[in-house]
Amino acid sequence: MSWAGFAGEILAGAEARRLIGGTPEIEKIGTADYPTAARRPANSSLDFTKFEATFGFPARPWREALAEVLDRIGKEAAQ
């Protein structure tokens, strides 16, 4: 999943829950197009092996966790 893809999933979930009106267009750019002082790896995939070994349970699927966060935001906004 790219950062642009992740942002798209967040916005699509927010729109589906009517937290936002419409999904903005996301412009995908390469790392070279976003210069920073820090050097960035070409592949920055998260590895949950150490987390799972340390805490003794698997990390939740990110889509499941994202849905929970968006649902919580929706409930708090409705109050």
Protein backbone atom coordinates (compact mmCIF):
# COMPACT_ATOMS: atom_id res chain seq x y z
CA MET A 1 0.00 0.00 0.00
CA SER A 2 1.39 3.36 -0.99
CA TRP A 3 0.85 6.50 1.08
CA ALA A 4 -1.44 7.77 -1.67
CA GLY A 5 -3.40 4.51 -1.53
CA PHE A 6 -3.67 4.74 2.25
CA ALA A 7 -4.91 8.33 2.01
CA GLY A 8 -7.45 7.20 -0.56
CA GLU A 9 -8.74 4.47 1.77
CA ILE A 10 -9.10 7.00 4.60
CA LEU A 11 -10.99 9.46 2.43
CA ALA A 12 -13.23 6.78 0.90
CA GLY A 13 -14.11 5.50 4.37
CA ALA A 14 -14.78 9.02 5.61
CA GLU A 15 -17.02 9.74 2.63
CA ALA A 16 -18.92 6.46 3.07
CA ARG A 17 -19.66 7.48 6.67
CA ARG A 18 -20.62 10.98 5.55
CA LEU A 19 -17.80 12.54 7.54
CA ILE A 20 -16.79 14.48 4.44
CA GLY A 21 -18.71 15.56 1.37
CA GLY A 22 -16.96 14.05 -1.63
CA THR A 23 -13.55 12.53 -2.01
CA PRO A 24 -10.74 14.92 -2.97
CA GLU A 25 -8.40 13.87 -5.74
CA ILE A 26 -5.09 12.52 -4.50
CA GLU A 27 -2.02 13.28 -6.55
CA LYS A 28 0.44 10.42 -6.45
CA ILE A 29 4.07 11.53 -6.38
CA GLY A 30 7.35 9.71 -6.11
CA THR A 31 9.75 10.11 -3.23
CA ALA A 32 12.09 12.13 -5.46
CA ASP A 33 9.26 14.60 -6.07
CA TYR A 34 8.92 15.32 -2.34
CA PRO A 35 12.39 16.33 -1.21
CA THR A 36 13.18 16.14 2.49
CA ALA A 37 16.37 16.32 4.50
CA ALA A 38 15.85 12.72 5.62
CA ARG A 39 16.70 9.93 3.22
CA ARG A 40 13.73 7.65 2.61
CA PRO A 41 13.88 3.93 1.80
CA ALA A 42 12.45 2.75 -1.51
CA ASN A 43 10.30 0.22 0.37
CA SER A 44 9.06 1.15 3.83
CA SER A 45 6.64 -1.71 4.44
CA LEU A 46 5.91 -2.36 8.10
CA ASP A 47 7.05 -5.65 9.56
CA PHE A 48 5.00 -6.67 12.60
CA THR A 49 7.16 -9.67 13.53
CA LYS A 50 8.84 -7.92 16.48
CA PHE A 51 5.56 -6.40 17.69
CA GLU A 52 3.87 -9.79 17.65
CA ALA A 53 6.79 -11.49 19.42
CA THR A 54 7.03 -8.75 22.06
CA PHE A 55 3.33 -8.47 22.92
CA GLY A 56 2.24 -12.02 22.15
CA PHE A 57 -0.60 -11.27 19.77
CA PRO A 58 -0.91 -10.40 16.10
CA ALA A 59 -1.37 -6.85 14.89
CA ARG A 60 -4.88 -6.11 13.67
CA PRO A 61 -5.51 -5.77 9.97
CA TRP A 62 -5.14 -2.09 9.16
CA ARG A 63 -8.44 -1.85 7.28
CA GLU A 64 -10.28 -3.16 10.34
CA ALA A 65 -8.53 -0.64 12.61
CA LEU A 66 -9.19 2.21 10.15
CA ALA A 67 -12.90 1.37 10.08
CA GLU A 68 -13.01 1.47 13.88
CA VAL A 69 -11.27 4.85 14.00
CA LEU A 70 -13.58 6.34 11.38
CA ASP A 71 -16.64 4.96 13.20
CA ARG A 72 -15.39 6.52 16.44
CA ILE A 73 -14.83 9.88 14.74
CA GLY A 74 -18.36 9.71 13.36
CA LYS A 75 -19.87 8.99 16.77
CA GLU A 76 -17.93 11.81 18.42
CA ALA A 77 -18.88 14.25 15.67
CA ALA A 78 -22.56 13.38 16.13
CA GLN A 79 -22.50 14.28 19.85
